[in-house]
C-alpha atoms as a PDB file:
ATOM      1  CA  MET A   1      12.411  24.217   0.790  1.00  0.00           C
ATOM      2  CA  ASN A   2      14.947  21.524  -0.073  1.00  0.00           C
ATOM      3  CA  GLY A   3      15.776  20.356  -3.605  1.00  0.00           C
ATOM      4  CA  LYS A   4      13.244  17.538  -3.592  1.00  0.00           C
ATOM      5  CA  GLU A   5      10.423  19.781  -2.379  1.00  0.00           C
ATOM      6  CA  LYS A   6      11.342  22.483  -4.917  1.00  0.00           C
ATOM      7  CA  LEU A   7      11.309  19.973  -7.754  1.00  0.00           C
ATOM      8  CA  LEU A   8       7.913  18.614  -6.656  1.00  0.00           C
ATOM      9  CA  TYR A   9       6.581  22.161  -6.413  1.00  0.00           C
ATOM     10  CA  ASP A  10       7.843  22.992  -9.920  1.00  0.00           C
ATOM     11  CA  ILE A  11       6.286  19.790 -11.300  1.00  0.00           C
ATOM     12  CA  GLY A  12       2.971  20.754  -9.697  1.00  0.00           C
ATOM     13  CA  VAL A  13       3.023  24.263 -11.172  1.00  0.00           C
ATOM     14  CA  VAL A  14       3.960  23.106 -14.671  1.00  0.00           C
ATOM     15  CA  SER A  15       1.438  20.246 -14.504  1.00  0.00           C
ATOM     16  CA  PHE A  16      -1.309  22.757 -13.682  1.00  0.00           C
ATOM     17  CA  VAL A  17      -0.324  24.848 -16.710  1.00  0.00           C
ATOM     18  CA  VAL A  18      -0.335  21.780 -18.987  1.00  0.00           C
ATOM     19  CA  VAL A  19      -3.779  20.649 -17.792  1.00  0.00           C
ATOM     20  CA  ASP A  20      -5.191  24.176 -18.022  1.00  0.00           C
ATOM     21  CA  LEU A  21      -3.850  24.642 -21.556  1.00  0.00           C
ATOM     22  CA  GLY A  22      -5.244  21.224 -22.499  1.00  0.00           C
ATOM     23  CA  LEU A  23      -8.689  22.279 -21.310  1.00  0.00           C
ATOM     24  CA  TYR A  24      -8.404  25.529 -23.256  1.00  0.00           C
ATOM     25  CA  LEU A  25      -7.387  23.633 -26.389  1.00  0.00           C
ATOM     26  CA  ASP A  26     -10.460  21.405 -26.018  1.00  0.00           C
ATOM     27  CA  THR A  27     -12.567  24.477 -26.812  1.00  0.00           C
ATOM     28  CA  HIS A  28     -10.055  26.329 -29.027  1.00  0.00           C
ATOM     29  CA  PRO A  29      -8.449  23.529 -31.104  1.00  0.00           C
ATOM     30  CA  THR A  30      -7.064  25.860 -33.789  1.00  0.00           C
ATOM     31  CA  ASP A  31      -5.259  28.297 -31.477  1.00  0.00           C
ATOM     32  CA  CYS A  32      -1.677  27.845 -32.699  1.00  0.00           C
ATOM     33  CA  LYS A  33      -0.170  30.021 -29.961  1.00  0.00           C
ATOM     34  CA  ALA A  34      -1.868  27.915 -27.265  1.00  0.00           C
ATOM     35  CA  MET A  35      -0.557  24.744 -28.935  1.00  0.00           C
ATOM     36  CA  GLU A  36       2.969  26.186 -28.852  1.00  0.00           C
ATOM     37  CA  TYR A  37       2.601  26.998 -25.154  1.00  0.00           C
ATOM     38  CA  TYR A  38       1.188  23.524 -24.485  1.00  0.00           C
ATOM     39  CA  ASN A  39       4.072  21.799 -26.261  1.00  0.00           C
ATOM     40  CA  HIS A  40       6.629  24.030 -24.525  1.00  0.00           C
ATOM     41  CA  TYR A  41       5.307  23.435 -21.002  1.00  0.00           C
ATOM     42  CA  ASN A  42       4.640  19.753 -21.630  1.00  0.00           C
ATOM     43  CA  HIS A  43       8.296  19.373 -22.654  1.00  0.00           C
ATOM     44  CA  ILE A  44       9.411  21.143 -19.456  1.00  0.00           C
ATOM     45  CA  ARG A  45       7.114  18.896 -17.395  1.00  0.00           C
ATOM     46  CA  LYS A  46       8.599  15.759 -18.943  1.00  0.00           C
ATOM     47  CA  GLN A  47      12.115  17.017 -18.205  1.00  0.00           C
ATOM     48  CA  LEU A  48      11.240  17.784 -14.580  1.00  0.00           C
ATOM     49  CA  MET A  49       9.537  14.401 -14.142  1.00  0.00           C
ATOM     50  CA  LYS A  50      12.594  12.655 -15.589  1.00  0.00           C
ATOM     51  CA  GLU A  51      14.941  14.612 -13.321  1.00  0.00           C
ATOM     52  CA  PHE A  52      12.855  13.799 -10.244  1.00  0.00           C
ATOM     53  CA  SER A  53      12.641  10.139 -11.234  1.00  0.00           C
ATOM     54  CA  GLU A  54      16.414   9.879 -11.632  1.00  0.00           C
ATOM     55  CA  LYS A  55      17.195  11.654  -8.341  1.00  0.00           C
ATOM     56  CA  TYR A  56      14.471  10.218  -6.100  1.00  0.00           C
ATOM     57  CA  TYR A  57      11.740   7.875  -7.368  1.00  0.00           C
ATOM     58  CA  PRO A  58       9.296   7.798 -10.275  1.00  0.00           C
ATOM     59  CA  LEU A  59       6.060   9.727  -9.807  1.00  0.00           C
ATOM     60  CA  THR A  60       4.297   7.797 -12.570  1.00  0.00           C
ATOM     61  CA  MET A  61       4.752   4.245 -13.765  1.00  0.00           C
ATOM     62  CA  ASP A  62       5.934   5.343 -17.210  1.00  0.00           C
ATOM     63  CA  MET A  63       8.878   7.103 -15.539  1.00  0.00           C
ATOM     64  CA  ALA A  64      10.008   3.867 -13.825  1.00  0.00           C
ATOM     65  CA  GLU A  65      12.705   2.897 -16.284  1.00  0.00           C
ATOM     66  CA  CYS A  66      14.471  -0.290 -15.323  1.00  0.00           C
ATOM     67  CA  SER A  67      18.180  -0.668 -15.372  1.00  0.00           C
ATOM     68  CA  LYS A  68      19.281  -2.508 -12.241  1.00  0.00           C
ATOM     69  CA  GLU A  69      16.147  -2.492 -10.114  1.00  0.00           C
ATOM     70  CA  TRP A  70      12.428  -1.834 -10.403  1.00  0.00           C
ATOM     71  CA  LYS A  71      11.857   1.526  -8.702  1.00  0.00           C
ATOM     72  CA  TRP A  72       8.119   1.877  -9.154  1.00  0.00           C
ATOM     73  CA  GLY A  73       6.618   1.647  -5.692  1.00  0.00           C
ATOM     74  CA  MET A  74       9.710   3.093  -3.979  1.00  0.00           C
ATOM     75  CA  ALA A  75       7.922   6.354  -3.141  1.00  0.00           C
ATOM     76  CA  PRO A  76       6.889   6.912   0.465  1.00  0.00           C
ATOM     77  CA  MET A  77       3.256   6.260   1.245  1.00  0.00           C
ATOM     78  CA  PRO A  78       1.082   9.193   2.375  1.00  0.00           C
ATOM     79  CA  TRP A  79       0.943   7.857   5.932  1.00  0.00           C
ATOM     80  CA  GLU A  80       4.746   7.916   6.062  1.00  0.00           C
ATOM     81  CA  GLY A  81       4.637  11.712   6.357  1.00  0.00           C
ATOM     82  CA  GLU A  82       6.208  12.937   3.099  1.00  0.00           C
ATOM     83  CA  CYS A  83       3.018  13.948   1.318  1.00  0.00           C
ATOM     84  CA  GLY A  84       1.839  16.651   3.686  1.00  0.00           C
END
């Protein structure tokens, strides 16, 4: 697994944790420990997304910060073979 694939894998794992914790918090809104975990993993996810965006291309439009060129849409399309 190269660096790009590893980063995408890590983003996928952390994203799953964030979504799962969010669903748990929907039914347990006063669980302070779960909120701490959610905030912790959400912070990690944002860092990973930012790192990936800076090294390769933005995965979401809100990560497409403009400086010299608009990078949203620079990702390969699924039929270009990088999504499988």
